[in-house]
Amino acid sequence: MPESTSSGDATLVAAAEKLTQCDGYVVLAVDPQTGEVDAHGPYDGLTATIKADRLRHDFDRGGLEDVTVGVVRLHHSA
């Protein structure tokens, strides 16, 4: 983890640790106005959590507060 951490970083780490085992994680952004869904990944849990947080902030700065951002588990088919 980087030397300089904030309480926000600690919260992200705690959220990532709560995620269960899987093949990876995908960050989804869903725009309810257009119905568009955008997927980013796959990532490990911590990276997905950080990516989701950055996307949320980017959407908020762009005035797109209604876009939903979430992290979902990825399971490769056998």
C-alpha atoms as a PDB file:
ATOM      1  CA  MET A   1       0.000   0.000   0.000  1.00  0.00           C
ATOM      2  CA  PRO A   2       1.325   3.530  -0.696  1.00  0.00           C
ATOM      3  CA  GLU A   3       3.060   5.296   2.145  1.00  0.00           C
ATOM      4  CA  SER A   4       0.589   8.173   2.281  1.00  0.00           C
ATOM      5  CA  THR A   5      -2.891   6.883   3.010  1.00  0.00           C
ATOM      6  CA  SER A   6      -6.066   8.710   3.942  1.00  0.00           C
ATOM      7  CA  SER A   7      -9.076   7.472   5.874  1.00  0.00           C
ATOM      8  CA  GLY A   8     -10.823   7.130   2.476  1.00  0.00           C
ATOM      9  CA  ASP A   9      -8.083   4.746   1.345  1.00  0.00           C
ATOM     10  CA  ALA A  10      -8.525   2.689   4.500  1.00  0.00           C
ATOM     11  CA  THR A  11     -12.259   2.481   3.843  1.00  0.00           C
ATOM     12  CA  LEU A  12     -11.592   1.253   0.302  1.00  0.00           C
ATOM     13  CA  VAL A  13      -9.198  -1.401   1.569  1.00  0.00           C
ATOM     14  CA  ALA A  14     -11.743  -2.586   4.135  1.00  0.00           C
ATOM     15  CA  ALA A  15     -14.449  -2.817   1.453  1.00  0.00           C
ATOM     16  CA  ALA A  16     -12.155  -4.781  -0.860  1.00  0.00           C
ATOM     17  CA  GLU A  17     -11.296  -7.262   1.892  1.00  0.00           C
ATOM     18  CA  LYS A  18     -14.990  -8.002   2.446  1.00  0.00           C
ATOM     19  CA  LEU A  19     -15.443  -9.245  -1.110  1.00  0.00           C
ATOM     20  CA  THR A  20     -15.631 -13.033  -1.395  1.00  0.00           C
ATOM     21  CA  GLN A  21     -13.517 -15.402  -3.467  1.00  0.00           C
ATOM     22  CA  CYS A  22     -13.998 -15.423  -7.244  1.00  0.00           C
ATOM     23  CA  ASP A  23     -11.993 -15.181 -10.482  1.00  0.00           C
ATOM     24  CA  GLY A  24     -11.832 -11.388 -10.375  1.00  0.00           C
ATOM     25  CA  TYR A  25     -14.016  -8.323 -10.254  1.00  0.00           C
ATOM     26  CA  VAL A  26     -15.647  -6.092 -12.847  1.00  0.00           C
ATOM     27  CA  VAL A  27     -16.694  -2.488 -12.275  1.00  0.00           C
ATOM     28  CA  LEU A  28     -20.065  -1.687 -13.834  1.00  0.00           C
ATOM     29  CA  ALA A  29     -21.421   1.775 -14.574  1.00  0.00           C
ATOM     30  CA  VAL A  30     -25.151   1.918 -15.369  1.00  0.00           C
ATOM     31  CA  ASP A  31     -26.805   5.044 -16.757  1.00  0.00           C
ATOM     32  CA  PRO A  32     -30.549   4.923 -16.012  1.00  0.00           C
ATOM     33  CA  GLN A  33     -31.262   7.751 -18.483  1.00  0.00           C
ATOM     34  CA  THR A  34     -29.815   5.983 -21.536  1.00  0.00           C
ATOM     35  CA  GLY A  35     -29.869   2.368 -20.343  1.00  0.00           C
ATOM     36  CA  GLU A  36     -26.187   2.045 -21.180  1.00  0.00           C
ATOM     37  CA  VAL A  37     -24.008  -0.309 -19.148  1.00  0.00           C
ATOM     38  CA  ASP A  38     -20.227  -0.012 -19.223  1.00  0.00           C
ATOM     39  CA  ALA A  39     -17.916  -2.686 -17.797  1.00  0.00           C
ATOM     40  CA  HIS A  40     -14.283  -2.217 -16.704  1.00  0.00           C
ATOM     41  CA  GLY A  41     -11.974  -5.046 -15.748  1.00  0.00           C
ATOM     42  CA  PRO A  42     -11.370  -7.685 -14.705  1.00  0.00           C
ATOM     43  CA  TYR A  43      -9.430  -6.494 -11.667  1.00  0.00           C
ATOM     44  CA  ASP A  44      -8.403  -7.862  -8.298  1.00  0.00           C
ATOM     45  CA  GLY A  45     -10.664  -6.776  -5.430  1.00  0.00           C
ATOM     46  CA  LEU A  46      -8.660  -3.772  -4.251  1.00  0.00           C
ATOM     47  CA  THR A  47      -8.060  -2.425  -7.757  1.00  0.00           C
ATOM     48  CA  ALA A  48     -11.758  -2.816  -8.635  1.00  0.00           C
ATOM     49  CA  THR A  49     -12.773  -0.953  -5.485  1.00  0.00           C
ATOM     50  CA  ILE A  50     -10.381   1.903  -6.254  1.00  0.00           C
ATOM     51  CA  LYS A  51     -11.514   2.042  -9.906  1.00  0.00           C
ATOM     52  CA  ALA A  52     -15.177   2.170  -8.818  1.00  0.00           C
ATOM     53  CA  ASP A  53     -14.418   4.998  -6.397  1.00  0.00           C
ATOM     54  CA  ARG A  54     -12.599   6.983  -9.094  1.00  0.00           C
ATOM     55  CA  LEU A  55     -15.437   6.464 -11.576  1.00  0.00           C
ATOM     56  CA  ARG A  56     -17.981   7.584  -8.976  1.00  0.00           C
ATOM     57  CA  HIS A  57     -16.022  10.794  -8.375  1.00  0.00           C
ATOM     58  CA  ASP A  58     -15.609  11.382 -12.133  1.00  0.00           C
ATOM     59  CA  PHE A  59     -19.336  10.948 -12.761  1.00  0.00           C
ATOM     60  CA  ASP A  60     -20.189  13.224  -9.844  1.00  0.00           C
ATOM     61  CA  ARG A  61     -17.833  15.946 -11.129  1.00  0.00           C
ATOM     62  CA  GLY A  62     -19.449  15.612 -14.562  1.00  0.00           C
ATOM     63  CA  GLY A  63     -22.936  16.119 -13.135  1.00  0.00           C
ATOM     64  CA  LEU A  64     -23.910  12.474 -13.644  1.00  0.00           C
ATOM     65  CA  GLU A  65     -24.929  11.656 -10.080  1.00  0.00           C
ATOM     66  CA  ASP A  66     -27.669   9.282 -11.275  1.00  0.00           C
ATOM     67  CA  VAL A  67     -25.170   6.867 -12.876  1.00  0.00           C
ATOM     68  CA  THR A  68     -24.803   3.793 -10.681  1.00  0.00           C
ATOM     69  CA  VAL A  69     -21.307   2.384 -10.143  1.00  0.00           C
ATOM     70  CA  GLY A  70     -20.758  -1.020  -8.591  1.00  0.00           C
ATOM     71  CA  VAL A  71     -18.308  -3.875  -8.256  1.00  0.00           C
ATOM     72  CA  VAL A  72     -19.468  -7.354  -9.246  1.00  0.00           C
ATOM     73  CA  ARG A  73     -17.759 -10.722  -8.961  1.00  0.00           C
ATOM     74  CA  LEU A  74     -16.504 -12.438 -12.087  1.00  0.00           C
ATOM     75  CA  HIS A  75     -16.742 -16.216 -12.416  1.00  0.00           C
ATOM     76  CA  HIS A  76     -15.100 -17.859 -15.404  1.00  0.00           C
ATOM     77  CA  SER A  77     -17.094 -20.715 -16.876  1.00  0.00           C
ATOM     78  CA  ALA A  78     -15.543 -24.133 -16.408  1.00  0.00           C
END
